[in-house]
N, C-alpha and C. Protein backbone atom coordinates (compact mmCIF):
# COMPACT_ATOMS: atom_id res chain seq x y z
N MET A 1 43.64 2.81 -38.88
CA MET A 1 45.13 2.64 -38.75
C MET A 1 45.49 2.19 -40.40
N LYS A 2 44.82 1.77 -41.40
CA LYS A 2 44.97 1.64 -42.47
C LYS A 2 45.71 2.70 -43.17
N GLU A 3 45.37 3.74 -42.83
CA GLU A 3 45.88 4.97 -43.53
C GLU A 3 47.46 5.06 -43.23
N LYS A 4 47.63 4.65 -41.63
CA LYS A 4 49.02 4.94 -41.43
C LYS A 4 49.94 3.97 -41.64
N VAL A 5 49.60 2.68 -42.43
CA VAL A 5 50.26 1.96 -42.58
C VAL A 5 50.45 1.54 -44.03
N HIS A 6 51.68 1.72 -44.18
CA HIS A 6 51.66 1.42 -46.02
C HIS A 6 52.63 0.09 -45.97
N TYR A 7 52.22 -0.39 -47.01
CA TYR A 7 53.21 -1.59 -47.61
C TYR A 7 54.44 -1.52 -48.01
N VAL A 8 55.28 -2.62 -47.81
CA VAL A 8 57.01 -2.61 -48.21
C VAL A 8 57.27 -2.01 -49.54
N ILE A 9 56.24 -2.49 -50.46
CA ILE A 9 56.80 -1.84 -51.76
C ILE A 9 56.39 -0.49 -51.98
N GLU A 10 55.28 0.27 -51.41
CA GLU A 10 55.26 1.75 -51.42
C GLU A 10 56.45 2.31 -50.86
N ALA A 11 57.10 1.93 -49.65
CA ALA A 11 57.72 2.47 -48.97
C ALA A 11 59.40 2.52 -49.54
N ALA A 12 59.63 1.16 -50.01
CA ALA A 12 60.80 1.04 -50.92
C ALA A 12 61.01 1.72 -52.04
N LEU A 13 59.83 2.20 -52.87
CA LEU A 13 59.86 2.94 -53.79
C LEU A 13 60.22 4.53 -53.80
N ALA A 14 59.75 4.85 -52.42
CA ALA A 14 60.23 6.00 -52.44
C ALA A 14 61.78 6.01 -51.88
N VAL A 15 62.11 5.05 -51.09
CA VAL A 15 63.57 4.69 -51.15
C VAL A 15 64.22 4.98 -52.46
N ALA A 16 64.51 4.41 -53.20
CA ALA A 16 65.00 4.27 -54.10
C ALA A 16 64.42 5.10 -56.05
N VAL A 17 63.71 6.10 -55.01
CA VAL A 17 63.11 6.93 -56.65
C VAL A 17 64.49 7.95 -57.02
N ILE A 18 65.42 7.76 -56.85
CA ILE A 18 66.14 8.81 -57.61
C ILE A 18 67.47 7.69 -57.67
N VAL A 19 68.46 7.50 -57.16
CA VAL A 19 69.58 6.43 -57.48
C VAL A 19 69.62 5.43 -56.67
N LEU A 20 69.69 4.39 -57.07
CA LEU A 20 69.88 3.34 -56.51
C LEU A 20 71.41 2.81 -55.77
N PHE A 21 72.29 3.03 -56.89
CA PHE A 21 73.55 3.15 -56.18
C PHE A 21 74.75 3.87 -57.28
N VAL A 22 76.11 3.97 -56.70
CA VAL A 22 77.22 4.72 -57.59
C VAL A 22 78.11 4.10 -57.40
N LEU A 23 78.68 3.30 -58.52
CA LEU A 23 79.74 2.66 -58.25
C LEU A 23 80.96 3.25 -59.53
N GLN A 24 82.08 3.57 -58.63
CA GLN A 24 83.46 3.70 -59.74
C GLN A 24 83.97 2.81 -60.18
N PHE A 25 84.58 2.98 -61.50
CA PHE A 25 85.54 1.95 -62.12
C PHE A 25 86.64 1.55 -61.45
N SER A 26 86.68 0.32 -61.46
CA SER A 26 88.11 -0.14 -60.70
C SER A 26 89.11 -0.14 -61.51
N GLY A 27 88.81 0.14 -63.03
CA GLY A 27 90.42 0.26 -63.84
C GLY A 27 90.50 1.93 -63.94
N ASN A 28 91.15 2.02 -65.15
CA ASN A 28 91.38 3.46 -65.72
C ASN A 28 90.37 4.34 -65.51
N ARG A 29 90.02 5.43 -64.58
CA ARG A 29 88.98 6.63 -64.77
C ARG A 29 89.26 7.34 -65.47
N LYS A 30 90.43 7.59 -66.08
CA LYS A 30 90.52 8.74 -67.32
C LYS A 30 90.12 7.88 -68.91
N SER A 31 89.56 7.14 -69.04
CA SER A 31 88.83 6.39 -69.76
C SER A 31 87.74 7.09 -70.39
N THR A 32 87.47 7.02 -71.70
CA THR A 32 85.93 7.78 -72.16
C THR A 32 85.25 7.03 -71.96
N PRO A 33 83.84 7.56 -71.68
CA PRO A 33 82.67 6.87 -71.36
C PRO A 33 82.32 5.76 -71.92
N SER A 34 82.57 5.61 -73.24
CA SER A 34 82.50 4.54 -74.00
C SER A 34 83.58 3.59 -73.97
N ASN A 35 84.83 3.97 -73.76
CA ASN A 35 85.62 2.83 -73.78
C ASN A 35 85.63 2.45 -72.17
N ALA A 36 84.82 3.22 -71.35
CA ALA A 36 84.69 2.53 -70.03
C ALA A 36 83.75 1.37 -70.28
N ALA A 37 82.95 1.56 -70.68
CA ALA A 37 81.70 0.91 -70.87
C ALA A 37 82.11 -0.64 -71.67
N ALA A 38 83.14 -0.20 -72.63
CA ALA A 38 83.24 -1.63 -73.33
C ALA A 38 84.41 -2.37 -72.26
N THR A 39 84.89 -1.89 -71.29
CA THR A 39 85.98 -2.29 -70.40
C THR A 39 84.96 -3.56 -69.60
N GLY A 40 83.73 -3.51 -69.84
CA GLY A 40 83.08 -4.33 -68.83
C GLY A 40 82.62 -5.81 -69.54
N GLY A 41 83.32 -5.87 -70.45
CA GLY A 41 83.24 -7.52 -70.91
C GLY A 41 82.09 -7.84 -71.87
N ASP A 42 81.22 -6.81 -71.68
CA ASP A 42 79.79 -7.24 -72.45
C ASP A 42 79.50 -6.30 -73.63
N SER A 43 79.46 -7.02 -74.69
CA SER A 43 79.78 -5.85 -76.13
C SER A 43 78.63 -5.51 -76.22
N ALA A 44 77.34 -5.61 -75.87
CA ALA A 44 76.14 -5.16 -76.23
C ALA A 44 76.43 -3.68 -75.76
N TRP A 45 77.24 -3.22 -74.51
CA TRP A 45 77.00 -1.95 -73.83
C TRP A 45 78.29 -1.03 -74.43
N GLY A 46 78.88 -1.69 -75.41
CA GLY A 46 79.90 -1.03 -75.96
C GLY A 46 79.53 0.46 -76.87
N SER A 47 78.70 0.95 -77.17
CA SER A 47 78.31 1.83 -78.03
C SER A 47 77.69 2.82 -76.74
N THR A 48 77.26 2.20 -75.57
CA THR A 48 76.74 3.07 -74.79
C THR A 48 77.54 3.79 -73.85
N MET A 49 76.97 5.12 -73.04
CA MET A 49 77.50 5.23 -71.69
C MET A 49 77.36 4.47 -70.73
N PRO A 50 78.34 4.40 -69.65
CA PRO A 50 78.49 3.64 -68.42
C PRO A 50 77.38 3.77 -67.61
N ILE A 51 76.14 4.12 -68.10
CA ILE A 51 75.31 4.12 -66.87
C ILE A 51 74.11 3.34 -67.31
N ALA A 52 73.05 3.31 -66.67
CA ALA A 52 71.93 2.40 -67.00
C ALA A 52 70.54 2.87 -65.49
N PHE A 53 69.61 2.51 -66.12
CA PHE A 53 68.48 2.69 -65.24
C PHE A 53 67.65 1.73 -65.06
N ILE A 54 66.85 1.28 -63.95
CA ILE A 54 66.01 0.40 -63.37
C ILE A 54 64.73 0.71 -63.28
N ASP A 55 63.71 0.43 -64.00
CA ASP A 55 62.22 0.55 -63.28
C ASP A 55 62.16 -0.02 -62.11
N VAL A 56 61.52 1.10 -61.19
CA VAL A 56 61.90 0.57 -59.89
C VAL A 56 60.16 -0.11 -59.38
N ASP A 57 59.05 0.45 -60.10
CA ASP A 57 57.99 -0.26 -59.70
C ASP A 57 58.09 -1.69 -60.40
N SER A 58 58.34 -1.90 -61.67
CA SER A 58 58.67 -3.27 -62.00
C SER A 58 59.51 -4.17 -61.32
N LEU A 59 60.68 -3.56 -60.67
CA LEU A 59 61.64 -4.20 -59.68
C LEU A 59 60.86 -4.78 -58.81
N MET A 60 60.04 -3.79 -57.88
CA MET A 60 59.64 -4.12 -56.63
C MET A 60 58.27 -5.01 -56.83
N SER A 61 57.81 -4.93 -58.02
CA SER A 61 56.62 -6.05 -58.33
C SER A 61 57.09 -7.59 -58.76
N ASN A 62 58.13 -7.35 -58.83
CA ASN A 62 58.87 -8.91 -59.65
C ASN A 62 59.74 -9.41 -59.17
N TYR A 63 60.47 -8.62 -58.05
CA TYR A 63 61.61 -9.34 -57.33
C TYR A 63 60.93 -10.10 -56.20
N VAL A 64 61.38 -11.27 -56.12
CA VAL A 64 60.54 -12.66 -55.16
C VAL A 64 60.60 -12.02 -53.61
N TYR A 65 61.92 -11.75 -53.30
CA TYR A 65 62.08 -11.06 -51.93
C TYR A 65 61.06 -9.91 -51.59
N SER A 66 60.96 -9.01 -52.54
CA SER A 66 60.22 -7.67 -52.13
C SER A 66 58.77 -8.07 -51.89
N ILE A 67 58.53 -9.30 -52.94
CA ILE A 67 57.10 -9.58 -52.92
C ILE A 67 56.93 -10.32 -51.47
N ASP A 68 57.88 -11.25 -51.01
CA ASP A 68 57.80 -11.71 -50.01
C ASP A 68 57.45 -10.83 -48.57
N LEU A 69 58.26 -10.11 -48.60
CA LEU A 69 58.44 -8.80 -47.41
C LEU A 69 57.22 -8.14 -47.49
N ASN A 70 56.61 -8.11 -48.64
CA ASN A 70 55.26 -7.07 -48.56
C ASN A 70 54.29 -7.99 -48.17
N GLU A 71 54.34 -9.59 -48.31
CA GLU A 71 53.15 -10.42 -47.71
C GLU A 71 53.03 -10.60 -46.24
N GLN A 72 54.41 -10.17 -46.18
CA GLN A 72 54.74 -10.68 -44.35
C GLN A 72 54.01 -9.48 -43.36
N ILE A 73 54.16 -8.23 -44.22
CA ILE A 73 53.86 -7.14 -43.28
C ILE A 73 52.30 -7.14 -43.87
N THR A 74 52.11 -7.25 -44.89
CA THR A 74 50.24 -7.17 -45.28
C THR A 74 49.43 -8.25 -44.10
N LYS A 75 50.27 -9.73 -43.91
CA LYS A 75 49.58 -10.53 -43.13
C LYS A 75 49.70 -9.88 -41.64
N LYS A 76 50.87 -9.13 -41.38
CA LYS A 76 50.76 -8.80 -39.62
C LYS A 76 49.95 -7.26 -39.72
N TYR A 77 49.46 -6.74 -40.95
CA TYR A 77 48.38 -5.94 -40.80
C TYR A 77 47.23 -6.41 -40.57
N GLU A 78 46.85 -7.22 -41.44
CA GLU A 78 45.66 -7.97 -41.60
C GLU A 78 45.19 -8.97 -39.92
N ASN A 79 45.96 -9.43 -39.40
CA ASN A 79 45.83 -9.90 -37.90
C ASN A 79 46.00 -8.77 -37.18
N SER A 80 46.67 -7.75 -37.31
CA SER A 80 46.12 -6.90 -36.18
C SER A 80 44.75 -6.05 -36.58
N ARG A 81 44.56 -5.89 -37.54
CA ARG A 81 42.96 -5.09 -37.92
C ARG A 81 41.99 -6.27 -37.37
N ALA A 82 42.33 -7.36 -37.70
CA ALA A 82 40.92 -8.46 -37.25
C ALA A 82 41.07 -8.48 -36.06
N SER A 83 42.37 -8.49 -35.07
CA SER A 83 42.42 -8.53 -33.30
C SER A 83 41.45 -7.19 -32.96
N LEU A 84 41.48 -6.09 -33.95
CA LEU A 84 41.44 -5.04 -33.13
C LEU A 84 39.75 -5.04 -33.45
N THR A 85 39.15 -5.52 -34.48
CA THR A 85 37.90 -5.54 -35.06
C THR A 85 37.08 -6.35 -33.98
N GLU A 86 37.88 -7.47 -33.67
CA GLU A 86 36.86 -8.27 -32.56
C GLU A 86 36.86 -7.75 -31.14
N LYS A 87 37.79 -7.13 -30.80
CA LYS A 87 37.72 -6.25 -29.52
C LYS A 87 36.48 -4.90 -29.66
N LEU A 88 36.66 -4.44 -30.75
CA LEU A 88 35.65 -3.36 -30.89
C LEU A 88 34.57 -3.93 -30.81
N ARG A 89 34.28 -4.93 -31.59
CA ARG A 89 32.82 -5.66 -31.67
C ARG A 89 32.25 -5.91 -30.53
N LYS A 90 33.21 -6.37 -29.55
CA LYS A 90 32.95 -6.86 -28.05
C LYS A 90 32.57 -5.67 -27.13
N LEU A 91 33.28 -4.67 -27.65
CA LEU A 91 32.78 -3.10 -26.78
C LEU A 91 31.82 -2.79 -27.20
N GLN A 92 31.47 -2.82 -28.53
CA GLN A 92 30.03 -2.18 -28.96
C GLN A 92 28.74 -3.37 -28.27
N THR A 93 28.94 -4.47 -28.26
CA THR A 93 28.17 -5.26 -27.51
C THR A 93 27.81 -4.70 -26.02
N GLU A 94 28.82 -4.79 -25.60
CA GLU A 94 28.63 -4.32 -23.92
C GLU A 94 28.14 -2.78 -23.83
N VAL A 95 28.24 -1.56 -24.71
CA VAL A 95 28.22 -0.58 -24.79
C VAL A 95 26.26 -0.61 -24.84
N ALA A 96 26.02 -1.22 -25.89
CA ALA A 96 24.31 -1.67 -26.20
C ALA A 96 23.93 -2.08 -25.03
N ASP A 97 24.55 -3.41 -24.63
CA ASP A 97 23.71 -3.74 -22.97
C ASP A 97 23.84 -2.90 -22.28
N PHE A 98 24.52 -1.75 -22.06
CA PHE A 98 24.84 -0.98 -21.08
C PHE A 98 23.53 -0.01 -21.19
N GLN A 99 23.48 0.59 -22.53
CA GLN A 99 22.27 1.11 -22.94
C GLN A 99 20.93 1.10 -22.55
N ARG A 100 20.89 -0.46 -22.95
CA ARG A 100 19.36 -1.21 -22.74
C ARG A 100 19.20 -1.07 -21.19
N LYS A 101 20.37 -1.44 -20.18
CA LYS A 101 19.88 -1.58 -18.71
C LYS A 101 19.85 -0.06 -18.09
N VAL A 102 20.31 0.96 -18.94
CA VAL A 102 19.95 2.29 -18.30
C VAL A 102 18.19 2.33 -18.86
N GLU A 103 18.42 2.03 -20.16
CA GLU A 103 16.68 2.67 -20.34
C GLU A 103 15.83 1.69 -20.00
N THR A 104 16.09 0.57 -19.33
CA THR A 104 15.09 -0.37 -18.60
C THR A 104 15.19 -0.18 -17.07
N GLY A 105 16.00 0.54 -16.91
CA GLY A 105 16.42 0.60 -15.31
C GLY A 105 16.64 -0.66 -14.33
N SER A 106 17.42 -1.47 -15.23
CA SER A 106 18.27 -2.54 -14.65
C SER A 106 18.99 -2.68 -13.75
N PHE A 107 19.79 -1.38 -13.61
CA PHE A 107 21.00 -1.53 -12.44
C PHE A 107 20.29 -1.38 -11.02
N ILE A 108 20.64 -2.11 -10.24
CA ILE A 108 20.62 -1.57 -8.80
C ILE A 108 20.61 -0.13 -8.03
N SER A 109 21.38 0.62 -8.41
CA SER A 109 21.77 2.11 -8.30
C SER A 109 22.63 2.93 -9.23
N ARG A 110 22.36 4.15 -8.88
CA ARG A 110 22.92 5.03 -10.10
C ARG A 110 24.52 4.35 -9.88
N GLU A 111 24.79 4.40 -8.58
CA GLU A 111 26.60 4.22 -8.85
C GLU A 111 27.26 3.04 -9.19
N ARG A 112 26.12 1.98 -9.07
CA ARG A 112 26.35 0.88 -10.43
C ARG A 112 26.46 0.98 -11.87
N ALA A 113 25.64 2.02 -12.12
CA ALA A 113 25.48 2.36 -13.55
C ALA A 113 26.50 3.50 -14.08
N GLU A 114 27.08 4.32 -13.24
CA GLU A 114 28.33 5.04 -13.47
C GLU A 114 29.47 4.40 -13.13
N SER A 115 29.59 3.23 -12.54
CA SER A 115 30.75 2.29 -12.22
C SER A 115 31.00 1.83 -13.82
N GLU A 116 29.94 1.39 -14.06
CA GLU A 116 29.99 0.41 -15.46
C GLU A 116 30.21 1.34 -16.50
N GLN A 117 29.83 2.49 -16.57
CA GLN A 117 30.09 3.36 -17.76
C GLN A 117 31.56 4.09 -17.57
N GLN A 118 32.02 4.09 -16.65
CA GLN A 118 33.60 4.42 -16.48
C GLN A 118 34.20 3.37 -17.18
N ARG A 119 34.05 1.73 -16.48
CA ARG A 119 34.57 0.97 -17.18
C ARG A 119 34.47 0.69 -18.75
N LEU A 120 33.36 1.13 -19.18
CA LEU A 120 33.18 1.24 -20.53
C LEU A 120 34.17 1.90 -21.10
N MET A 121 34.17 3.13 -20.49
CA MET A 121 34.70 4.40 -21.19
C MET A 121 36.46 3.97 -21.03
N LYS A 122 36.83 3.27 -20.00
CA LYS A 122 38.31 3.19 -19.81
C LYS A 122 38.37 2.07 -21.02
N LYS A 123 37.89 0.90 -21.11
CA LYS A 123 38.03 0.11 -22.15
C LYS A 123 38.42 0.58 -23.56
N ASP A 124 36.88 1.69 -23.80
CA ASP A 124 37.34 2.33 -25.27
C ASP A 124 38.62 3.28 -25.39
N GLN A 125 39.39 3.63 -24.21
CA GLN A 125 40.31 4.23 -24.35
C GLN A 125 41.57 3.38 -24.44
N GLU A 126 41.22 2.35 -23.81
CA GLU A 126 42.64 0.91 -23.93
C GLU A 126 42.53 0.71 -25.50
N LEU A 127 41.57 0.45 -25.82
CA LEU A 127 41.43 0.18 -27.63
C LEU A 127 42.05 0.88 -27.99
N GLN A 128 41.88 2.44 -28.03
CA GLN A 128 42.61 3.29 -28.73
C GLN A 128 44.08 3.45 -28.46
N GLU A 129 44.30 3.14 -27.47
CA GLU A 129 46.06 3.22 -27.19
C GLU A 129 46.64 1.88 -27.51
N LEU A 130 45.80 0.57 -27.73
CA LEU A 130 46.25 -0.59 -28.48
C LEU A 130 46.82 -0.16 -29.95
N GLN A 131 45.55 0.63 -30.51
CA GLN A 131 45.41 0.78 -32.09
C GLN A 131 46.48 1.57 -32.20
N ALA A 132 47.19 2.60 -31.26
CA ALA A 132 48.21 3.48 -31.86
C ALA A 132 49.35 2.90 -31.56
N GLN A 133 49.69 1.49 -30.85
CA GLN A 133 50.39 1.05 -30.18
C GLN A 133 50.83 -0.20 -31.84
N MET A 134 49.88 -0.68 -32.04
CA MET A 134 50.01 -1.57 -32.98
C MET A 134 50.01 -1.06 -34.40
N SER A 135 49.84 0.42 -34.53
CA SER A 135 50.30 1.37 -35.79
C SER A 135 51.49 1.67 -35.69
N GLN A 136 51.92 1.74 -34.57
CA GLN A 136 53.78 2.13 -34.41
C GLN A 136 54.41 1.00 -34.62
N GLU A 137 53.80 -0.13 -33.71
CA GLU A 137 55.15 -1.47 -34.05
C GLU A 137 54.87 -1.78 -35.64
N LEU A 138 54.09 -1.68 -36.42
CA LEU A 138 53.59 -2.07 -37.62
C LEU A 138 54.51 -1.50 -38.41
N GLY A 139 54.81 0.29 -38.20
CA GLY A 139 55.38 1.03 -38.88
C GLY A 139 57.16 0.84 -38.76
N GLU A 140 57.41 0.50 -37.41
CA GLU A 140 58.70 0.48 -37.05
C GLU A 140 59.12 -0.85 -37.77
N GLU A 141 58.22 -2.20 -37.97
CA GLU A 141 58.53 -3.45 -38.31
C GLU A 141 58.71 -3.09 -39.95
N GLN A 142 57.83 -2.07 -40.34
CA GLN A 142 57.91 -1.80 -42.09
C GLN A 142 59.24 -1.17 -41.97
N ALA A 143 59.75 -0.09 -41.31
CA ALA A 143 60.59 0.43 -41.72
C ALA A 143 61.97 -0.61 -41.57
N ARG A 144 62.10 -1.38 -40.40
CA ARG A 144 63.11 -2.50 -40.65
C ARG A 144 63.11 -3.13 -41.94
N MET A 145 61.88 -3.68 -42.52
CA MET A 145 62.11 -4.22 -43.93
C MET A 145 62.21 -3.60 -44.75
N ASN A 146 62.08 -2.25 -44.92
CA ASN A 146 62.40 -1.46 -46.14
C ASN A 146 63.95 -1.44 -46.09
N GLU A 147 64.52 -1.25 -44.76
CA GLU A 147 65.79 -1.26 -44.87
C GLU A 147 66.63 -2.42 -45.34
N GLU A 148 66.26 -3.37 -44.60
CA GLU A 148 66.97 -4.98 -45.39
C GLU A 148 66.67 -4.98 -46.66
N LEU A 149 65.72 -4.53 -47.14
CA LEU A 149 65.40 -4.83 -48.81
C LEU A 149 66.42 -3.80 -49.39
N ARG A 150 66.21 -2.62 -48.92
CA ARG A 150 67.52 -1.64 -49.66
C ARG A 150 68.81 -1.70 -49.66
N ARG A 151 68.96 -2.26 -48.19
CA ARG A 151 70.56 -3.14 -48.09
C ARG A 151 70.87 -4.46 -49.11
N THR A 152 69.93 -5.18 -49.21
CA THR A 152 70.05 -6.26 -49.96
C THR A 152 70.00 -6.10 -51.62
N ILE A 153 69.32 -5.27 -51.76
CA ILE A 153 69.40 -4.24 -53.23
C ILE A 153 70.56 -4.09 -53.62
N ILE A 154 70.96 -2.87 -52.98
CA ILE A 154 71.84 -2.19 -53.20
C ILE A 154 73.45 -3.41 -53.17
N ALA A 155 73.46 -4.33 -52.29
CA ALA A 155 74.52 -5.14 -52.22
C ALA A 155 74.41 -5.98 -53.52
N GLN A 156 73.38 -6.50 -54.09
CA GLN A 156 73.34 -7.26 -55.18
C GLN A 156 73.53 -6.62 -56.74
N LEU A 157 73.12 -5.26 -56.58
CA LEU A 157 73.62 -4.59 -57.70
C LEU A 157 75.01 -4.49 -57.71
N ARG A 158 75.62 -4.48 -56.74
CA ARG A 158 77.14 -4.19 -56.66
C ARG A 158 77.65 -5.50 -57.44
N GLU A 159 77.17 -6.50 -56.52
CA GLU A 159 77.16 -7.88 -57.04
C GLU A 159 77.19 -7.82 -58.62
N PHE A 160 76.07 -7.65 -59.10
CA PHE A 160 75.75 -7.74 -60.55
C PHE A 160 76.21 -6.76 -62.02
N ASN A 161 76.94 -5.92 -60.95
CA ASN A 161 77.82 -4.83 -61.63
C ASN A 161 79.03 -5.43 -62.21
N ARG A 162 79.60 -6.00 -61.44
CA ARG A 162 80.87 -6.82 -61.57
C ARG A 162 80.84 -7.54 -63.33
N GLY A 163 81.75 -7.11 -63.79
CA GLY A 163 82.01 -7.26 -65.53
C GLY A 163 81.07 -6.64 -66.21
N LYS A 164 80.18 -5.50 -65.70
CA LYS A 164 79.42 -4.53 -66.51
C LYS A 164 80.04 -3.36 -66.69
N GLY A 165 80.48 -2.91 -65.60
CA GLY A 165 81.35 -1.66 -66.06
C GLY A 165 80.60 -0.45 -65.71
N PHE A 166 78.86 -0.27 -64.98
CA PHE A 166 78.41 0.76 -65.27
C PHE A 166 78.96 1.66 -63.90
N GLN A 167 78.85 3.08 -64.07
CA GLN A 167 79.43 3.70 -63.36
C GLN A 167 78.09 4.45 -62.22
N VAL A 168 76.87 4.27 -63.04
CA VAL A 168 76.12 5.07 -62.03
C VAL A 168 74.45 3.91 -62.96
N VAL A 169 73.96 3.57 -61.84
CA VAL A 169 72.50 3.00 -62.32
C VAL A 169 71.62 3.75 -61.23
N TYR A 170 70.41 4.49 -62.07
CA TYR A 170 69.31 5.16 -61.47
C TYR A 170 68.10 4.57 -61.34
N GLY A 171 67.29 4.59 -60.57
CA GLY A 171 66.09 4.13 -60.52
C GLY A 171 64.82 4.98 -60.93
N LYS A 172 64.37 4.69 -61.85
CA LYS A 172 63.16 5.13 -62.56
C LYS A 172 61.80 5.13 -61.86
N MET A 173 61.13 5.98 -61.59
CA MET A 173 60.05 6.22 -60.77
C MET A 173 59.08 7.28 -61.38
N ASN A 174 57.92 7.00 -61.80
CA ASN A 174 57.16 8.06 -62.45
C ASN A 174 57.91 8.80 -63.19
N ASP A 175 57.95 10.30 -63.25
CA ASP A 175 58.95 11.23 -64.20
C ASP A 175 60.08 11.74 -63.58
N ASN A 176 60.82 11.11 -62.60
CA ASN A 176 61.63 11.52 -62.43
C ASN A 176 62.84 11.27 -63.36
N ILE A 177 62.96 10.45 -64.51
CA ILE A 177 63.64 10.35 -65.48
C ILE A 177 62.76 10.61 -66.82
N LEU A 178 63.19 12.00 -67.25
CA LEU A 178 61.89 12.18 -68.43
C LEU A 178 62.13 11.63 -69.50
N TYR A 179 63.49 11.04 -70.24
CA TYR A 179 63.63 10.22 -71.26
C TYR A 179 64.72 9.51 -70.97
N ALA A 180 64.70 8.37 -71.60
CA ALA A 180 66.27 7.14 -71.55
C ALA A 180 65.95 6.28 -72.33
N ASP A 181 66.80 6.10 -73.14
CA ASP A 181 66.77 5.15 -74.24
C ASP A 181 66.53 3.70 -73.56
N ASP A 182 66.00 2.96 -74.15
CA ASP A 182 65.62 1.73 -74.11
C ASP A 182 67.04 0.68 -74.02
N ALA A 183 68.00 1.00 -74.38
CA ALA A 183 69.18 0.83 -74.27
C ALA A 183 70.03 0.78 -73.12
N TYR A 184 69.39 1.51 -72.33
CA TYR A 184 69.93 1.74 -70.61
C TYR A 184 68.96 1.50 -69.73
N ASN A 185 67.79 0.58 -70.44
CA ASN A 185 67.24 -0.36 -69.68
C ASN A 185 67.96 -1.51 -69.30
N ILE A 186 67.80 -2.02 -67.97
CA ILE A 186 68.68 -3.23 -67.15
C ILE A 186 67.59 -3.96 -66.42
N THR A 187 66.55 -3.31 -66.38
CA THR A 187 65.51 -3.91 -65.42
C THR A 187 65.36 -5.27 -65.44
N GLY A 188 64.96 -6.11 -66.78
CA GLY A 188 64.86 -7.51 -66.78
C GLY A 188 65.94 -7.80 -66.41
N GLU A 189 67.37 -7.74 -67.00
CA GLU A 189 68.46 -8.12 -66.46
C GLU A 189 68.92 -8.39 -64.64
N VAL A 190 68.29 -7.50 -64.25
CA VAL A 190 68.32 -7.36 -62.59
C VAL A 190 67.57 -8.17 -61.79
N ILE A 191 66.25 -8.15 -62.57
CA ILE A 191 64.94 -8.48 -61.68
C ILE A 191 65.56 -10.13 -61.81
N GLU A 192 66.28 -10.77 -62.71
CA GLU A 192 66.30 -12.13 -63.12
C GLU A 192 67.34 -12.66 -62.04
N PHE A 193 68.72 -11.72 -62.27
CA PHE A 193 69.72 -11.71 -61.47
C PHE A 193 69.26 -11.88 -59.51
N LEU A 194 68.32 -10.90 -59.28
CA LEU A 194 68.11 -10.78 -58.19
C LEU A 194 67.32 -12.13 -57.49
N ASN A 195 66.02 -12.40 -58.44
CA ASN A 195 65.34 -13.61 -58.03
C ASN A 195 66.45 -14.71 -58.58
N ARG A 196 67.48 -14.90 -58.89
CA ARG A 196 68.38 -16.10 -59.22
C ARG A 196 69.18 -16.37 -57.88
N GLN A 197 69.52 -14.86 -57.24
CA GLN A 197 70.63 -14.73 -55.92
C GLN A 197 69.34 -15.22 -55.06
N HIS A 198 68.46 -14.76 -54.88
CA HIS A 198 67.27 -15.38 -53.56
C HIS A 198 67.00 -16.24 -53.72
N ALA A 199 66.71 -17.24 -54.62
CA ALA A 199 66.29 -18.56 -55.00
C ALA A 199 67.42 -19.35 -54.11
N SER A 200 68.72 -18.99 -54.34
CA SER A 200 70.12 -19.64 -53.81
C SER A 200 70.29 -19.21 -52.45
N SER A 201 69.58 -18.42 -51.64
CA SER A 201 69.76 -17.88 -50.59
C SER A 201 69.52 -18.78 -49.39
N PRO A 202 70.09 -18.95 -48.14
CA PRO A 202 69.60 -19.58 -47.00
C PRO A 202 68.00 -19.08 -46.76
N ALA A 203 67.89 -17.99 -46.59
CA ALA A 203 66.76 -17.75 -46.22
C ALA A 203 65.45 -18.31 -47.05
N ALA A 204 65.76 -18.16 -48.57
CA ALA A 204 64.83 -18.55 -49.35
C ALA A 204 64.97 -20.49 -49.47
N ARG A 205 65.95 -20.95 -49.04
CA ARG A 205 65.89 -22.41 -48.85
C ARG A 205 64.75 -22.91 -47.51
N THR A 206 65.20 -21.89 -46.52
CA THR A 206 64.48 -22.21 -45.10
C THR A 206 62.88 -22.22 -45.37
N ASP A 207 62.38 -20.95 -46.18
CA ASP A 207 60.92 -20.77 -46.62
C ASP A 207 60.27 -21.61 -47.14
N GLU A 208 61.30 -22.40 -47.83
CA GLU A 208 60.37 -23.92 -48.58
C GLU A 208 60.22 -25.05 -47.41
């Protein structure tokens, strides 16, 4: 089951691999890129184009909400695995006991032995079905968390962009961006902003 269940961070990285969001300028769209960047009110960006990038791996590893979601799905996975492991251990004990009885001729009849064998086979099948069900439920829960994380990041980036004037913000992951000047890297700013917003959210206060 472990191979079928991936943590939130891994899936979220795949979702955000190329472009996190695109924003059109609310001002004059005929402005040159340098002027458009300057209209954002942030002098540090006056000499750059109105684009930026975020290191997605760093974002997901340092965004508190992403970490919280990852811990939630990890805990659910570990609980499911522990439950299955315990059920499997009990079944293995019963199978070993059945084999011992067969070898020592402890069953009162052949029919009784066959009945016990069928019961154990059915129990094994039920465990396999339970494992598949748990994997599916964890996958659905993970997908829900991924979507919630994606929506939250996009919404917060739109808020972050107020006064910045970025027209495009890319998500940098692996080699999808071959080169980008550090002047366009807003990862640290965004992480700080996201964590500040999360700390003030009702959900964060409830967790405390």
